[in-house]
N, C-alpha and C. Protein backbone atom coordinates (compact mmCIF):
# COMPACT_ATOMS: atom_id res chain seq x y z
N MET A 1 -26.06 114.99 204.61
CA MET A 1 -27.22 114.31 204.10
C MET A 1 -26.78 113.15 203.21
N PHE A 2 -27.43 112.03 203.35
CA PHE A 2 -27.15 110.85 202.53
C PHE A 2 -28.09 110.84 201.34
N GLU A 3 -27.52 110.55 200.17
CA GLU A 3 -28.32 110.47 198.96
C GLU A 3 -27.87 109.27 198.14
N SER A 4 -28.81 108.42 197.77
CA SER A 4 -28.53 107.29 196.90
C SER A 4 -28.93 107.70 195.49
N THR A 5 -28.01 107.58 194.53
CA THR A 5 -28.28 108.04 193.17
C THR A 5 -27.87 106.97 192.16
N SER A 6 -28.15 107.24 190.94
CA SER A 6 -27.62 106.46 189.81
C SER A 6 -27.25 107.46 188.72
N ASP A 7 -26.76 108.61 189.15
CA ASP A 7 -26.47 109.69 188.21
C ASP A 7 -25.20 109.41 187.41
N PRO A 8 -25.27 109.52 186.09
CA PRO A 8 -24.04 109.45 185.31
C PRO A 8 -23.21 110.69 185.59
N VAL A 9 -21.89 110.52 185.72
CA VAL A 9 -20.99 111.64 185.98
C VAL A 9 -19.78 111.54 185.06
N ASP A 10 -19.22 112.71 184.75
CA ASP A 10 -17.96 112.77 184.01
C ASP A 10 -16.84 112.77 185.04
N VAL A 11 -15.87 111.87 184.87
CA VAL A 11 -14.79 111.73 185.84
C VAL A 11 -13.46 111.88 185.13
N LEU A 12 -12.60 112.76 185.65
CA LEU A 12 -11.22 112.85 185.19
C LEU A 12 -10.46 111.78 185.96
N THR A 13 -9.80 110.89 185.22
CA THR A 13 -9.21 109.70 185.82
C THR A 13 -7.74 109.58 185.45
N ALA A 14 -6.93 109.12 186.38
CA ALA A 14 -5.52 108.80 186.11
C ALA A 14 -5.41 107.29 185.95
N PHE A 15 -4.72 106.86 184.91
CA PHE A 15 -4.39 105.45 184.72
C PHE A 15 -2.88 105.34 184.90
N THR A 16 -2.45 104.77 186.02
CA THR A 16 -1.03 104.68 186.34
C THR A 16 -0.68 103.26 186.73
N ASP A 17 0.32 102.70 186.05
CA ASP A 17 0.79 101.34 186.36
C ASP A 17 -0.36 100.34 186.43
N GLY A 18 -1.30 100.45 185.51
CA GLY A 18 -2.42 99.52 185.46
C GLY A 18 -3.51 99.76 186.47
N THR A 19 -3.43 100.86 187.21
CA THR A 19 -4.48 101.18 188.19
C THR A 19 -5.30 102.37 187.71
N LEU A 20 -6.51 102.45 188.19
CA LEU A 20 -7.48 103.47 187.85
C LEU A 20 -7.70 104.32 189.09
N GLU A 21 -7.60 105.66 188.95
CA GLU A 21 -7.82 106.52 190.12
C GLU A 21 -8.60 107.77 189.71
N PRO A 22 -9.79 107.96 190.30
CA PRO A 22 -10.56 109.17 190.01
C PRO A 22 -9.89 110.40 190.63
N LEU A 23 -9.79 111.50 189.85
CA LEU A 23 -9.16 112.73 190.34
C LEU A 23 -10.19 113.82 190.64
N ARG A 24 -11.20 113.93 189.79
CA ARG A 24 -12.30 114.88 190.03
C ARG A 24 -13.48 114.48 189.15
N PHE A 25 -14.66 114.97 189.52
CA PHE A 25 -15.86 114.65 188.74
C PHE A 25 -16.85 115.81 188.81
N ARG A 26 -17.77 115.80 187.86
CA ARG A 26 -18.80 116.84 187.78
C ARG A 26 -20.14 116.22 188.16
N TRP A 27 -20.83 116.88 189.12
CA TRP A 27 -22.15 116.41 189.56
C TRP A 27 -23.00 117.63 189.91
N HIS A 28 -24.19 117.70 189.37
CA HIS A 28 -25.13 118.81 189.60
C HIS A 28 -24.48 120.16 189.32
N GLY A 29 -23.65 120.23 188.28
CA GLY A 29 -23.02 121.48 187.90
C GLY A 29 -21.78 121.84 188.71
N ARG A 30 -21.43 121.04 189.68
CA ARG A 30 -20.24 121.29 190.53
C ARG A 30 -19.09 120.40 190.08
N VAL A 31 -17.88 120.93 190.12
CA VAL A 31 -16.69 120.10 189.93
C VAL A 31 -16.18 119.76 191.32
N ILE A 32 -16.11 118.47 191.59
CA ILE A 32 -15.70 117.99 192.90
C ILE A 32 -14.33 117.34 192.76
N ARG A 33 -13.35 117.90 193.45
CA ARG A 33 -11.99 117.38 193.42
C ARG A 33 -11.85 116.28 194.48
N VAL A 34 -11.27 115.18 194.08
CA VAL A 34 -11.05 114.05 194.99
C VAL A 34 -9.80 114.33 195.80
N ALA A 35 -9.95 114.49 197.10
CA ALA A 35 -8.81 114.72 197.99
C ALA A 35 -8.16 113.39 198.37
N GLN A 36 -9.00 112.35 198.52
CA GLN A 36 -8.47 111.05 198.94
C GLN A 36 -9.41 109.93 198.51
N VAL A 37 -8.81 108.84 198.05
CA VAL A 37 -9.58 107.61 197.79
C VAL A 37 -9.55 106.82 199.09
N ARG A 38 -10.71 106.62 199.69
CA ARG A 38 -10.83 105.95 200.99
C ARG A 38 -10.93 104.43 200.86
N GLY A 39 -11.38 103.96 199.71
CA GLY A 39 -11.52 102.51 199.53
C GLY A 39 -11.82 102.18 198.08
N GLN A 40 -11.49 100.93 197.71
CA GLN A 40 -11.76 100.43 196.36
C GLN A 40 -12.21 98.98 196.48
N TRP A 41 -13.15 98.59 195.65
CA TRP A 41 -13.58 97.21 195.60
C TRP A 41 -14.19 96.93 194.24
N SER A 42 -14.38 95.67 193.94
CA SER A 42 -14.95 95.26 192.65
C SER A 42 -16.15 94.37 192.89
N ARG A 43 -17.05 94.36 191.89
CA ARG A 43 -18.21 93.47 191.93
C ARG A 43 -18.46 92.98 190.51
N ARG A 44 -18.66 91.71 190.39
CA ARG A 44 -18.92 91.13 189.07
C ARG A 44 -20.41 91.24 188.75
N GLU A 45 -20.69 91.69 187.54
CA GLU A 45 -22.06 91.76 187.02
C GLU A 45 -22.04 91.00 185.70
N GLY A 46 -22.42 89.73 185.75
CA GLY A 46 -22.29 88.88 184.57
C GLY A 46 -20.81 88.69 184.27
N GLN A 47 -20.38 89.02 183.07
CA GLN A 47 -18.98 88.89 182.69
C GLN A 47 -18.19 90.18 182.95
N THR A 48 -18.87 91.21 183.44
CA THR A 48 -18.23 92.51 183.62
C THR A 48 -17.81 92.72 185.07
N LEU A 49 -16.61 93.26 185.25
CA LEU A 49 -16.11 93.59 186.57
C LEU A 49 -16.27 95.09 186.80
N LEU A 50 -17.23 95.47 187.65
CA LEU A 50 -17.46 96.87 188.00
C LEU A 50 -16.46 97.27 189.07
N ARG A 51 -15.92 98.48 188.97
CA ARG A 51 -14.94 98.99 189.94
C ARG A 51 -15.58 100.12 190.73
N PHE A 52 -15.54 100.03 192.05
CA PHE A 52 -16.13 101.02 192.94
C PHE A 52 -15.04 101.75 193.72
N PHE A 53 -15.29 103.04 193.98
CA PHE A 53 -14.35 103.88 194.71
C PHE A 53 -15.11 104.71 195.73
N ALA A 54 -14.67 104.67 196.98
CA ALA A 54 -15.17 105.58 198.01
C ALA A 54 -14.17 106.72 198.05
N VAL A 55 -14.64 107.95 197.75
CA VAL A 55 -13.73 109.09 197.68
C VAL A 55 -14.21 110.20 198.61
N GLU A 56 -13.25 111.02 199.03
CA GLU A 56 -13.57 112.16 199.89
C GLU A 56 -13.12 113.43 199.19
N SER A 57 -13.97 114.45 199.25
CA SER A 57 -13.63 115.75 198.66
C SER A 57 -12.84 116.57 199.66
N ALA A 58 -12.26 117.67 199.19
CA ALA A 58 -11.53 118.59 200.07
C ALA A 58 -12.45 119.18 201.13
N GLU A 59 -13.76 119.23 200.85
CA GLU A 59 -14.74 119.78 201.81
C GLU A 59 -15.19 118.73 202.83
N GLY A 60 -14.66 117.51 202.73
CA GLY A 60 -15.01 116.46 203.68
C GLY A 60 -16.25 115.68 203.31
N GLU A 61 -16.78 115.90 202.11
CA GLU A 61 -17.94 115.13 201.66
C GLU A 61 -17.45 113.80 201.09
N THR A 62 -18.27 112.77 201.22
CA THR A 62 -17.89 111.44 200.77
C THR A 62 -18.83 110.98 199.66
N TYR A 63 -18.24 110.32 198.66
CA TYR A 63 -18.99 109.87 197.49
C TYR A 63 -18.57 108.45 197.14
N GLU A 64 -19.48 107.71 196.55
CA GLU A 64 -19.18 106.39 196.02
C GLU A 64 -19.37 106.44 194.51
N LEU A 65 -18.29 106.18 193.77
CA LEU A 65 -18.30 106.18 192.31
C LEU A 65 -18.16 104.76 191.80
N CYS A 66 -18.78 104.49 190.65
CA CYS A 66 -18.67 103.17 190.02
C CYS A 66 -18.21 103.35 188.57
N PHE A 67 -17.18 102.60 188.19
CA PHE A 67 -16.71 102.58 186.81
C PHE A 67 -17.18 101.29 186.15
N ASP A 68 -17.89 101.44 185.05
CA ASP A 68 -18.39 100.31 184.27
C ASP A 68 -17.62 100.30 182.95
N PRO A 69 -16.77 99.30 182.72
CA PRO A 69 -15.95 99.30 181.51
C PRO A 69 -16.75 99.10 180.22
N ARG A 70 -18.00 98.66 180.34
CA ARG A 70 -18.85 98.55 179.14
C ARG A 70 -19.21 99.97 178.72
N GLY A 71 -18.46 100.51 177.81
CA GLY A 71 -18.71 101.88 177.37
C GLY A 71 -17.95 102.91 178.19
N ALA A 72 -17.11 102.45 179.09
CA ALA A 72 -16.31 103.35 179.95
C ALA A 72 -17.18 104.41 180.60
N LYS A 73 -18.20 103.97 181.36
CA LYS A 73 -19.16 104.87 182.02
C LYS A 73 -18.89 104.95 183.51
N TRP A 74 -19.06 106.14 184.05
CA TRP A 74 -18.99 106.37 185.50
C TRP A 74 -20.39 106.72 186.01
N THR A 75 -20.69 106.24 187.22
CA THR A 75 -21.95 106.54 187.88
C THR A 75 -21.67 106.94 189.32
N LEU A 76 -22.38 107.96 189.79
CA LEU A 76 -22.34 108.29 191.21
C LEU A 76 -23.40 107.44 191.89
N VAL A 77 -22.98 106.58 192.79
CA VAL A 77 -23.89 105.63 193.44
C VAL A 77 -24.47 106.21 194.72
N ARG A 78 -23.62 106.83 195.54
CA ARG A 78 -24.06 107.40 196.82
C ARG A 78 -23.29 108.68 197.09
N ALA A 79 -23.93 109.56 197.87
CA ALA A 79 -23.29 110.81 198.27
C ALA A 79 -23.66 111.14 199.70
N TRP A 80 -22.67 111.52 200.49
CA TRP A 80 -22.86 112.01 201.85
C TRP A 80 -22.37 113.44 201.84
N THR A 81 -23.29 114.40 201.78
CA THR A 81 -22.90 115.80 201.62
C THR A 81 -23.54 116.66 202.68
N GLY A 82 -22.97 117.84 202.86
CA GLY A 82 -23.51 118.80 203.83
C GLY A 82 -24.69 119.56 203.28
N ASN A 83 -24.86 119.57 201.92
CA ASN A 83 -25.94 120.38 201.34
C ASN A 83 -26.91 119.54 200.52
N GLY A 84 -26.89 118.23 200.69
CA GLY A 84 -27.83 117.38 199.99
C GLY A 84 -27.49 117.17 198.54
N GLY A 85 -26.28 117.56 198.12
CA GLY A 85 -25.86 117.36 196.74
C GLY A 85 -26.32 118.42 195.78
N ASN A 86 -26.92 119.49 196.29
CA ASN A 86 -27.39 120.56 195.41
C ASN A 86 -26.24 121.53 195.15
N ALA A 87 -26.23 122.07 193.96
CA ALA A 87 -25.19 123.04 193.61
C ALA A 87 -25.34 124.28 194.50
N ALA A 88 -24.21 124.84 194.88
CA ALA A 88 -24.23 125.99 195.77
C ALA A 88 -24.65 127.26 195.04
């Protein structure tokens, strides 16, 4: 099921050699481990550079995360899940 959201999420992130990589995040009470980062891109919003990540979970679900450096906030933008994003 596809779901478009603007949900704030807590993301455990690795900062290595100047790069940002999401490792896992919490959404709807679930901790979702990132098995693979499928893509990364940036979009400018005024003077701010937003960072987007397409990630895949170990269960094969796909998510789009956005990092906003203004306040170091993460948002779940989109989710493609087998259960509609509801906690099991």
